[in-house]
Protein backbone atom coordinates (compact mmCIF):
# COMPACT_ATOMS: atom_id res chain seq x y z
CA MET A 1 -23.08 18.15 -43.37
CA PRO A 2 -19.35 17.32 -43.29
CA VAL A 3 -17.92 15.93 -40.07
CA THR A 4 -15.54 18.41 -38.45
CA LEU A 5 -12.25 17.55 -36.75
CA SER A 6 -13.69 18.91 -33.50
CA ALA A 7 -16.66 16.55 -33.75
CA LEU A 8 -14.31 13.60 -34.29
CA HIS A 9 -12.32 14.58 -31.23
CA ASP A 10 -15.51 14.88 -29.17
CA ASP A 11 -16.65 11.45 -30.34
CA GLU A 12 -13.30 9.89 -29.43
CA ARG A 13 -13.40 11.58 -26.02
CA ARG A 14 -16.86 10.13 -25.35
CA ARG A 15 -15.79 6.63 -26.39
CA LEU A 16 -12.66 6.73 -24.26
CA THR A 17 -14.65 8.07 -21.31
CA ALA A 18 -17.15 5.22 -21.65
CA ALA A 19 -14.28 2.73 -21.85
CA LEU A 20 -12.76 4.21 -18.69
CA VAL A 21 -16.06 3.90 -16.82
CA VAL A 22 -16.31 0.22 -17.80
CA LEU A 23 -12.69 -0.37 -16.79
CA LEU A 24 -13.13 1.29 -13.40
CA ALA A 25 -16.36 -0.61 -12.76
CA ALA A 26 -14.65 -3.93 -13.57
CA ALA A 27 -11.71 -3.04 -11.30
CA ALA A 28 -14.05 -2.03 -8.48
CA PHE A 29 -15.82 -5.39 -8.76
CA ALA A 30 -12.53 -7.32 -8.74
CA TRP A 31 -11.24 -5.52 -5.66
CA THR A 32 -14.43 -5.52 -3.61
CA ALA A 33 -15.51 -9.12 -4.34
CA GLY A 34 -15.37 -11.08 -1.11
CA ALA A 35 -13.47 -8.26 0.57
CA ASN A 36 -15.22 -8.77 3.91
CA ASP A 37 -15.05 -12.56 3.81
CA LEU A 38 -11.42 -13.20 2.90
CA GLY A 39 -8.88 -12.65 5.65
CA LEU A 40 -6.29 -9.90 5.67
CA LYS A 41 -2.65 -10.77 5.23
CA THR A 42 -0.31 -10.71 8.20
CA PHE A 43 2.37 -8.35 6.88
CA ASP A 44 1.29 -5.72 7.74
CA ASP A 45 -2.42 -5.58 7.04
CA CYS A 46 -3.73 -6.95 10.33
CA ARG A 47 -1.56 -4.49 12.23
CA TYR A 48 -2.66 -1.50 10.15
CA ALA A 49 -6.31 -2.53 10.36
CA ARG A 50 -6.04 -2.62 14.15
CA LYS A 51 -4.47 0.86 14.19
CA GLY A 52 -7.43 2.12 12.17
CA LEU A 53 -9.87 0.48 14.55
CA GLU A 54 -8.21 2.10 17.56
CA MET A 55 -8.26 5.50 15.85
CA MET A 56 -11.98 5.07 15.25
CA GLN A 57 -12.59 4.09 18.86
CA ARG A 58 -10.40 6.76 20.41
CA GLY A 59 -11.07 9.65 18.03
CA GLY A 60 -8.54 12.32 17.19
CA PHE A 61 -6.01 12.40 14.38
CA MET A 62 -2.42 12.92 15.50
CA GLU A 63 -1.78 9.92 17.73
CA VAL A 64 -1.64 6.39 16.32
CA THR A 65 -1.84 3.52 18.80
CA TRP A 66 -1.49 -0.24 18.62
CA ALA A 67 -2.82 -2.36 21.50
CA GLY A 68 -3.46 0.95 23.25
CA ARG A 69 0.20 1.99 23.15
CA PRO A 70 1.59 4.93 21.13
CA ASP A 71 2.88 3.72 17.77
CA PHE A 72 5.55 5.80 16.02
CA PRO A 73 6.75 4.23 12.74
CA TYR A 74 4.27 5.92 10.37
CA PRO A 75 2.12 9.07 10.33
CA PRO A 76 -1.63 8.88 10.96
CA LEU A 77 -3.45 9.76 7.73
CA GLN A 78 -4.01 6.28 6.29
CA PHE A 79 -4.94 4.80 9.65
CA TRP A 80 -7.36 7.68 10.21
CA LEU A 81 -8.95 6.97 6.82
CA ILE A 82 -9.28 3.29 7.72
CA GLY A 83 -10.92 4.34 10.97
CA ARG A 84 -13.36 6.59 9.09
CA ALA A 85 -14.24 3.69 6.79
CA MET A 86 -14.88 1.51 9.85
CA ALA A 87 -17.12 4.20 11.31
CA VAL A 88 -19.22 4.03 8.13
CA PHE A 89 -19.16 0.32 7.27
CA GLY A 90 -18.44 -1.17 10.69
CA PRO A 91 -15.16 -2.73 11.83
CA GLY A 92 -14.07 -5.51 9.50
CA ASP A 93 -11.88 -6.51 6.63
CA PHE A 94 -13.93 -4.65 4.00
CA ALA A 95 -13.66 -1.36 5.85
CA ALA A 96 -9.93 -1.91 6.41
CA ARG A 97 -9.47 -2.41 2.66
CA PHE A 98 -11.86 0.31 1.52
CA PRO A 99 -9.46 3.30 1.43
CA SER A 100 -6.97 1.28 -0.62
CA MET A 101 -9.68 0.27 -3.08
CA VAL A 102 -10.75 3.87 -3.58
CA MET A 103 -7.16 5.04 -3.95
CA ALA A 104 -6.42 2.32 -6.50
CA LEU A 105 -9.35 3.52 -8.61
CA GLY A 106 -8.24 7.12 -8.07
CA THR A 107 -4.73 6.25 -9.23
CA MET A 108 -6.12 4.73 -12.43
CA ALA A 109 -8.19 7.86 -13.09
CA ALA A 110 -5.17 10.09 -12.40
CA VAL A 111 -3.09 8.03 -14.82
CA VAL A 112 -5.65 8.57 -17.57
CA TRP A 113 -5.65 12.33 -16.91
CA ILE A 114 -1.84 12.51 -16.77
CA GLY A 115 -1.69 10.52 -19.99
CA ALA A 116 -4.02 12.99 -21.69
CA LEU A 117 -1.68 15.83 -20.65
CA THR A 118 1.52 14.11 -21.78
CA LEU A 119 1.31 11.11 -24.11
CA GLY A 120 -2.29 11.17 -25.33
CA ARG A 121 -5.69 9.93 -24.21
CA ARG A 122 -5.31 6.46 -25.71
CA ALA A 123 -1.96 5.97 -23.99
CA GLY A 124 -3.54 7.06 -20.70
CA LEU A 125 -6.46 4.64 -21.01
CA THR A 126 -4.17 1.78 -22.00
CA ALA A 127 -1.90 2.64 -19.07
CA ALA A 128 -4.83 2.45 -16.64
CA ALA A 129 -5.79 -0.97 -18.03
CA LEU A 130 -2.22 -2.25 -17.73
CA LEU A 131 -2.02 -0.89 -14.20
CA ALA A 132 -5.17 -2.74 -13.19
CA LEU A 133 -3.79 -5.99 -14.68
CA THR A 134 -0.46 -5.71 -12.86
CA PRO A 135 -0.51 -8.26 -10.00
CA MET A 136 1.42 -6.00 -7.62
CA PHE A 137 -1.12 -3.20 -8.09
CA GLY A 138 -4.22 -5.40 -7.83
CA ASN A 139 -2.80 -7.16 -4.78
CA HIS A 140 -2.34 -3.88 -2.91
CA ALA A 141 -5.76 -2.63 -4.00
CA ARG A 142 -7.20 -5.40 -1.81
CA ARG A 143 -4.90 -4.72 1.13
CA CYS A 144 -4.52 -1.94 3.69
CA MET A 145 -0.82 -1.21 3.29
CA ILE A 146 0.55 2.32 2.85
CA ASP A 147 2.55 1.83 -0.37
CA LEU A 148 -0.46 2.26 -2.64
CA PRO A 149 -1.65 5.40 -0.79
CA LEU A 150 1.80 6.95 -1.24
CA CYS A 151 1.56 6.09 -4.95
CA PHE A 152 -1.88 7.71 -5.15
CA TRP A 153 -0.81 10.95 -3.49
CA THR A 154 2.35 11.10 -5.61
CA ALA A 155 0.27 10.68 -8.77
CA LEU A 156 -1.89 13.62 -7.65
CA VAL A 157 1.23 15.72 -7.07
CA VAL A 158 2.28 15.00 -10.67
CA LEU A 159 -1.20 15.72 -11.99
CA VAL A 160 -1.48 19.08 -10.21
CA PHE A 161 2.01 20.03 -11.37
CA LEU A 162 1.13 19.31 -15.01
CA LEU A 163 -2.20 21.15 -14.77
CA GLY A 164 -0.35 24.10 -13.29
CA LEU A 165 1.77 24.38 -16.43
CA ARG A 166 -1.43 25.58 -18.14
CA HIS A 167 -3.01 27.48 -15.25
CA ARG A 168 -0.34 28.70 -12.84
CA ARG A 169 -2.64 29.23 -9.85
CA LEU A 170 -3.43 25.53 -9.75
CA HIS A 171 0.12 24.95 -8.58
CA ALA A 172 -0.92 26.15 -5.12
CA LEU A 173 -3.11 23.03 -4.85
CA ILE A 174 0.01 20.86 -4.85
CA ALA A 175 0.03 21.49 -1.09
CA LEU A 176 -2.85 19.05 -0.58
CA PRO A 177 -1.44 15.82 -2.10
CA LEU A 178 2.09 16.67 -0.92
CA ALA A 179 0.93 17.11 2.67
CA ALA A 180 -1.16 13.94 2.41
CA ALA A 181 1.87 11.99 1.14
CA LEU A 182 3.98 13.23 4.06
CA LEU A 183 1.20 12.36 6.52
CA THR A 184 1.00 8.89 4.98
CA LYS A 185 4.62 7.74 4.82
CA GLY A 186 6.75 10.40 6.42
CA MET A 187 9.85 11.57 4.58
CA LEU A 188 9.11 9.29 1.62
CA GLY A 189 6.17 11.59 0.98
CA LEU A 190 8.69 14.05 -0.49
CA LEU A 191 9.05 11.68 -3.45
CA GLY A 192 6.76 13.84 -5.59
CA LEU A 193 9.27 16.67 -5.40
CA PHE A 194 11.38 14.86 -8.00
CA LEU A 195 9.51 17.27 -10.28
CA LEU A 196 11.67 20.18 -9.11
CA PRO A 197 15.06 18.88 -10.31
CA ALA A 198 13.29 17.54 -13.42
CA ALA A 199 12.07 21.08 -14.15
CA VAL A 200 15.63 22.40 -13.81
CA VAL A 201 16.83 20.23 -16.72
CA SER A 202 13.66 20.31 -18.85
CA ALA A 203 12.92 23.47 -20.82
CA ARG A 204 9.24 22.54 -21.04
CA LEU A 205 8.87 22.14 -17.27
CA ARG A 206 11.22 24.99 -16.26
CA PRO A 207 8.61 27.81 -16.37
CA ALA A 208 6.93 26.18 -13.37
CA LEU A 209 9.95 27.12 -11.24
CA ARG A 210 9.20 30.79 -11.89
CA SER A 211 5.67 30.35 -10.56
CA GLY A 212 5.22 31.76 -7.09
CA TRP A 213 2.11 29.60 -6.77
CA LEU A 214 4.22 26.44 -7.04
CA TRP A 215 6.52 27.50 -4.22
CA VAL A 216 3.56 28.50 -2.08
CA GLY A 217 2.05 25.07 -2.65
CA VAL A 218 5.29 23.22 -1.90
CA ALA A 219 5.97 25.25 1.24
CA ALA A 220 2.42 24.80 2.54
CA GLY A 221 2.49 21.07 1.82
CA VAL A 222 5.78 20.57 3.65
CA LEU A 223 4.64 22.63 6.63
CA ILE A 224 1.36 20.72 6.95
CA GLY A 225 3.15 17.41 6.54
CA ALA A 226 5.72 18.37 9.17
CA SER A 227 3.00 19.01 11.76
CA TRP A 228 2.92 15.35 12.82
CA PRO A 229 6.65 14.79 13.53
CA VAL A 230 6.90 18.20 15.21
CA HIS A 231 3.89 17.42 17.40
CA HIS A 232 5.28 14.02 18.36
CA ALA A 233 8.78 15.30 19.01
CA ILE A 234 7.28 17.81 21.47
CA VAL A 235 4.89 15.37 23.13
CA PHE A 236 6.97 12.17 23.20
CA GLY A 237 10.53 13.45 22.89
CA SER A 238 13.41 11.07 22.26
CA ALA A 239 11.18 7.97 22.31
CA PHE A 240 9.52 9.18 19.12
CA VAL A 241 12.72 10.46 17.50
CA ASP A 242 14.57 7.19 18.12
CA ASP A 243 11.71 5.02 16.89
CA HIS A 244 10.51 6.99 13.87
CA PHE A 245 13.70 8.54 12.54
CA GLY A 246 16.21 6.09 14.01
CA ALA A 247 14.60 2.67 13.61
CA THR A 248 12.05 3.22 10.85
CA ILE A 249 14.12 5.42 8.54
CA PHE A 250 17.84 5.60 9.12
CA ARG A 251 18.52 2.03 10.22
CA ARG A 252 16.77 0.77 7.12
CA VAL A 253 18.66 3.16 4.87
CA LEU A 254 21.94 2.05 6.47
CA GLY A 255 21.00 -1.62 6.28
CA GLN A 256 20.88 -2.05 10.06
CA ALA A 257 17.19 -2.99 10.38
CA ALA A 258 16.59 -6.50 11.70
CA LEU A 259 14.05 -7.28 9.00
CA PRO A 260 13.85 -9.76 6.12
CA ARG A 261 14.99 -8.04 2.96
CA SER A 262 15.93 -8.67 -0.63
CA SER A 263 19.53 -8.31 -1.72
CA ALA A 264 18.52 -7.60 -5.31
CA ASN A 265 19.18 -4.23 -6.90
CA PRO A 266 16.23 -2.01 -7.89
CA LEU A 267 16.29 -3.01 -11.57
CA ALA A 268 16.25 -6.70 -10.66
CA LEU A 269 13.34 -6.06 -8.29
CA LEU A 270 11.48 -4.25 -11.07
CA TRP A 271 11.99 -7.18 -13.40
CA LYS A 272 10.89 -9.70 -10.81
CA GLU A 273 7.89 -7.99 -9.22
CA TYR A 274 6.50 -5.44 -11.69
CA GLN A 275 5.60 -7.51 -14.70
CA PRO A 276 3.94 -7.31 -17.16
CA LEU A 277 4.82 -3.60 -17.31
CA VAL A 278 8.60 -3.69 -17.47
CA VAL A 279 9.20 -4.72 -21.09
CA PRO A 280 6.67 -2.38 -22.78
CA ALA A 281 7.66 0.39 -20.35
CA ALA A 282 11.28 0.04 -21.44
CA ALA A 283 10.13 0.33 -25.05
CA GLY A 284 8.12 3.43 -24.11
CA LEU A 285 11.14 5.01 -22.47
CA GLY A 286 13.13 4.33 -25.64
CA LEU A 287 10.45 6.02 -27.73
CA TRP A 288 10.48 8.99 -25.36
CA LEU A 289 14.25 9.37 -25.76
CA TRP A 290 13.98 9.17 -29.54
CA ARG A 291 11.19 11.78 -29.70
CA ARG A 292 13.00 14.04 -27.28
CA ARG A 293 16.14 14.03 -29.45
CA ARG A 294 14.06 15.05 -32.45
CA ALA A 295 11.51 17.44 -30.96
CA GLY A 296 13.05 18.61 -27.70
CA ALA A 297 11.58 18.76 -24.21
CA ALA A 298 7.95 17.94 -23.46
CA GLU A 299 5.60 17.40 -20.52
CA SER A 300 6.51 13.70 -20.64
CA ASP A 301 9.91 14.65 -19.19
CA ALA A 302 8.10 14.58 -15.84
CA LEU A 303 7.23 10.91 -16.42
CA ALA A 304 10.86 9.98 -17.06
CA ALA A 305 11.84 11.66 -13.77
CA TRP A 306 8.99 9.78 -12.11
CA VAL A 307 10.53 6.49 -13.22
CA ALA A 308 14.03 7.47 -12.13
CA ALA A 309 13.29 8.92 -8.69
CA PRO A 310 12.10 5.79 -6.78
CA ILE A 311 14.80 3.67 -8.42
CA ALA A 312 17.51 6.14 -7.42
CA LEU A 313 16.21 6.37 -3.84
CA LEU A 314 16.16 2.59 -3.41
CA ALA A 315 19.61 2.27 -4.98
CA LEU A 316 20.98 4.61 -2.30
CA SER A 317 19.46 2.51 0.48
CA HIS A 318 21.02 -0.65 1.90
CA TRP A 319 17.58 -2.06 2.66
CA SER A 320 15.75 -3.33 -0.42
CA SER A 321 12.12 -4.31 -0.87
CA GLY A 322 10.18 -4.52 -4.10
CA ARG A 323 7.18 -2.72 -2.63
CA TYR A 324 9.35 0.35 -2.00
CA LEU A 325 9.27 0.87 -5.76
CA PHE A 326 5.48 0.90 -5.79
CA ALA A 327 5.25 4.62 -6.56
CA VAL A 328 6.92 4.03 -9.93
CA LEU A 329 4.00 1.92 -11.20
CA PRO A 330 1.90 4.74 -12.77
CA ALA A 331 4.88 6.07 -14.72
CA LEU A 332 5.81 2.59 -15.94
CA ALA A 333 2.20 2.03 -16.99
CA LEU A 334 2.12 5.31 -18.92
CA PHE A 335 5.27 4.52 -20.88
CA ALA A 336 4.03 0.98 -21.49
CA GLY A 337 0.67 2.28 -22.72
CA ASP A 338 2.38 4.76 -25.03
CA ALA A 339 4.57 2.03 -26.51
CA LEU A 340 1.58 -0.22 -27.21
CA VAL A 341 -0.47 2.59 -28.75
CA ARG A 342 2.39 3.60 -31.06
CA LEU A 343 3.71 0.14 -31.96
CA ALA A 344 0.66 -2.12 -31.67
CA ARG A 345 -2.51 -0.02 -31.56
CA PRO A 346 -4.93 -2.95 -32.07
CA VAL A 347 -3.34 -4.70 -29.09
CA ALA A 348 -3.62 -1.55 -26.98
CA SER A 349 -7.28 -1.14 -27.93
CA ALA A 350 -8.02 -4.78 -27.16
CA ILE A 351 -6.40 -4.55 -23.73
CA ALA A 352 -8.19 -1.34 -22.75
CA LEU A 353 -11.62 -2.06 -24.27
CA TRP A 354 -12.27 -5.70 -23.45
CA LEU A 355 -9.33 -7.81 -22.23
CA ALA A 356 -8.73 -5.90 -19.00
CA PRO A 357 -12.44 -5.62 -18.05
CA VAL A 358 -13.02 -9.32 -18.78
CA LEU A 359 -10.02 -10.46 -16.77
CA LEU A 360 -10.92 -8.19 -13.86
CA VAL A 361 -14.49 -9.51 -13.76
CA ALA A 362 -13.15 -13.08 -13.93
CA CYS A 363 -10.83 -12.30 -11.01
CA GLY A 364 -13.74 -10.94 -8.98
CA VAL A 365 -15.83 -14.03 -9.71
CA THR A 366 -12.93 -16.21 -8.56
CA TYR A 367 -12.70 -14.31 -5.28
CA LEU A 368 -16.40 -14.99 -4.75
CA VAL A 369 -16.57 -18.62 -5.92
CA SER A 370 -13.20 -20.29 -5.23
CA PRO A 371 -10.76 -17.95 -3.49
CA GLU A 372 -8.64 -20.90 -2.37
CA THR A 373 -7.30 -21.13 -5.93
CA LEU A 374 -5.66 -17.72 -5.53
CA LYS A 375 -2.16 -17.49 -4.10
CA ASN A 376 -1.86 -15.97 -0.62
CA TYR A 377 -5.48 -14.87 -0.43
CA GLY A 378 -5.31 -14.02 3.25
CA ASN A 379 -5.42 -15.34 6.81
CA MET A 380 -8.60 -17.35 6.39
CA PRO A 381 -7.85 -20.01 9.06
CA TYR A 382 -7.31 -17.35 11.74
CA LYS A 383 -10.36 -15.36 10.67
CA GLY A 384 -12.48 -18.52 10.63
CA PHE A 385 -11.54 -19.33 14.22
CA ALA A 386 -12.30 -15.81 15.48
CA ALA A 387 -15.65 -16.59 17.12
CA GLU A 388 -14.29 -19.60 19.04
CA ALA A 389 -11.18 -17.68 20.13
CA ARG A 390 -13.23 -14.78 21.45
CA ALA A 391 -15.40 -17.24 23.39
CA LEU A 392 -12.32 -18.83 25.00
CA MET A 393 -10.53 -15.60 25.94
CA PRO A 394 -11.93 -12.26 27.14
CA SER A 395 -11.44 -9.23 24.91
CA GLY A 396 -8.12 -7.53 25.52
CA ALA A 397 -6.70 -10.49 27.46
CA LEU A 398 -2.92 -10.88 27.70
CA VAL A 399 -2.03 -14.30 26.32
CA PRO A 400 1.41 -15.87 26.91
CA SER A 401 3.30 -16.97 23.83
CA ILE A 402 5.88 -19.66 23.13
CA GLY A 403 8.25 -18.92 20.28
CA ASP A 404 11.05 -16.66 19.13
CA PRO A 405 10.63 -12.87 18.95
CA GLY A 406 10.83 -11.29 15.51
CA VAL A 407 8.93 -12.36 12.45
CA GLY A 408 7.10 -15.24 14.12
CA HIS A 409 5.86 -13.11 16.99
CA TRP A 410 5.01 -10.28 14.59
CA GLU A 411 2.61 -12.58 12.79
CA THR A 412 1.18 -13.93 16.02
CA GLU A 413 0.54 -10.60 17.71
CA ASN A 414 -0.95 -8.95 14.62
CA VAL A 415 -3.40 -11.74 13.82
CA ALA A 416 -4.29 -12.42 17.47
CA LEU A 417 -5.18 -8.79 18.17
CA TRP A 418 -7.07 -8.08 14.93
CA TYR A 419 -9.11 -11.29 14.65
CA TRP A 420 -9.20 -12.65 18.21
CA GLY A 421 -9.08 -9.41 20.20
CA VAL A 422 -6.26 -10.58 22.50
CA VAL A 423 -2.73 -9.28 23.07
CA ALA A 424 0.07 -11.78 22.48
CA GLU A 425 2.77 -11.31 25.08
CA THR A 426 6.47 -11.33 24.21
CA PRO A 427 7.52 -14.95 23.58
CA ARG A 428 8.88 -16.84 26.57
CA PRO A 429 10.57 -20.21 27.11
CA PRO A 430 7.97 -23.01 27.43
CA ALA A 431 8.20 -23.38 31.23
CA GLU A 432 7.80 -19.64 31.81
CA ALA A 433 4.92 -19.37 29.34
CA VAL A 434 3.10 -22.29 30.97
CA ALA A 435 3.51 -20.80 34.43
CA ARG A 436 2.22 -17.49 33.13
CA ALA A 437 -0.79 -19.14 31.44
CA LEU A 438 -1.69 -21.02 34.63
CA SER A 439 -1.97 -17.70 36.43
CA THR A 440 -4.70 -16.51 34.05
CA ASN A 441 -8.38 -17.35 33.97
CA HIS A 442 -8.37 -18.43 30.34
CA ARG A 443 -5.29 -20.76 30.69
CA ALA A 444 -4.50 -20.25 27.01
CA LEU A 445 -1.16 -20.14 25.19
CA LEU A 446 -0.18 -19.04 21.70
CA VAL A 447 2.28 -21.53 20.24
CA GLN A 448 4.16 -21.78 16.96
CA ARG A 449 3.45 -25.13 15.35
CA ASP A 450 7.11 -26.14 15.48
CA ARG A 451 7.27 -25.31 19.21
CA LEU A 452 4.70 -27.86 20.37
CA GLU A 453 7.50 -30.31 21.16
CA GLY A 454 8.82 -27.91 23.77
CA LEU A 455 5.41 -27.92 25.41
CA ASP A 456 5.22 -31.71 25.25
CA SER A 457 8.58 -32.00 27.00
CA LEU A 458 7.05 -30.39 30.10
CA GLY A 459 4.46 -33.13 30.46
CA VAL A 460 1.63 -30.64 30.43
CA LYS A 461 -1.83 -31.82 29.42
CA TYR A 462 -3.46 -29.51 26.96
CA GLU A 463 -6.02 -29.22 24.21
CA VAL A 464 -5.42 -27.62 20.81
CA PRO A 465 -8.62 -25.84 19.72
CA PHE A 466 -6.84 -24.40 16.67
CA MET A 467 -3.52 -24.79 14.86
CA SER A 468 -2.17 -23.37 11.62
CA ARG A 469 1.29 -21.79 11.33
CA PHE A 470 0.67 -20.94 14.96
CA GLY A 471 -2.25 -21.88 17.12
CA LEU A 472 -4.06 -21.74 20.44
CA VAL A 473 -3.38 -24.19 23.24
CA VAL A 474 -5.53 -24.43 26.41
CA LEU A 475 -3.94 -26.07 29.44
CA ALA A 476 -6.06 -28.86 30.94
CA ASP A 477 -4.40 -29.35 34.31
CA VAL A 478 -1.13 -28.76 36.17
CA GLY A 479 -0.45 -32.21 37.56
CA GLY A 480 2.11 -33.20 34.99
CA THR A 481 4.11 -30.00 34.90
CA ARG A 482 7.81 -30.50 35.58
């Protein structure tokens, strides 16, 4: 019996599906290996993990707290998900990372599906493999930041939009990922709506604008997403408006935020932080332009808009950070995968079928066997001292701190609360901090390593149970205090 074209397509679909399962399994192993043993990073993982823990303990959804105080910078969805993971797995680093791990795998699956709808199944599978091998993506898959979740929800917005081109009623479902994006990162959750201006200029995407289902979905998503800022504006008033819209959004856009930032432009940040995707993605964009000139508009027009939107938004802002381009990663991966499939198919097959799974498994083994060989693998010293710190200080204790406010205190307070269960007070001059510590039962101080000299100058006797970039000092007596 002759083999039909349909049978060949079915066979290829089965092989690509099996390859995707292997790839996802390898990625899951790499990102879960040692995830409960290796410490979370300071910026901003320890802080976000603590918010999730407090949401689990307090219950509810709308109000995010940190150290028991209302916290306004970001909406609640990701912290609620972290709290749900902690309710299932128990409080800890694995549970804090779990939602990000799942969303990273979900983003890879969405990329494969989007690839099948636009550039082809092979390009989609290769894109997922390249995405998993990109250090920025794998790094965030093991963290509990909110950049990867925004990327995940944006990818689902794109996927639903493309599916709706074939079945119009599916466009109503765009409400779900759009609302989730808004409830994850506020106004940046509107990023997925780059599809609307893209549809205006693309003949292939333009019919979607005539779909009432799309506008129902967009309106519902925006209304659901707006429920959090509206609720907080009513409950907390100007305190919320000034913090969330003023400090978190507009001061960063205007370059007035007192935060460390990069002065590089978006393209330079892409080149620096998003390798190895940038070069093959540029080739893929060139191929898209060439095909578009010859054949006209196609579904892949949405991918080109996906690349352009985050870059344009960051270019308009005076505050630059490479991670603010995170949502562009799936689109870059898709164009890179398409370029490899068209220009070097054996290389694309090798990456998707064996190179990526092997490297991911090797990465997971390294996390289990010798994590110290990996760069910035977490706050292991602080995590390792957790039991001793909790024995020295009661849970929830206020602990005086010596050091400058800002970045140094940010690190101190985040790590101290997540791993040691104590609240680091606002930094004080050494004499004030010592006097404050002497009034407590635990007599402990949090001190930056380079501030120990200031403590020595007071003639205070103390012990240092722990010291890394900052550490814990316990006052021995008061006789020598000047």
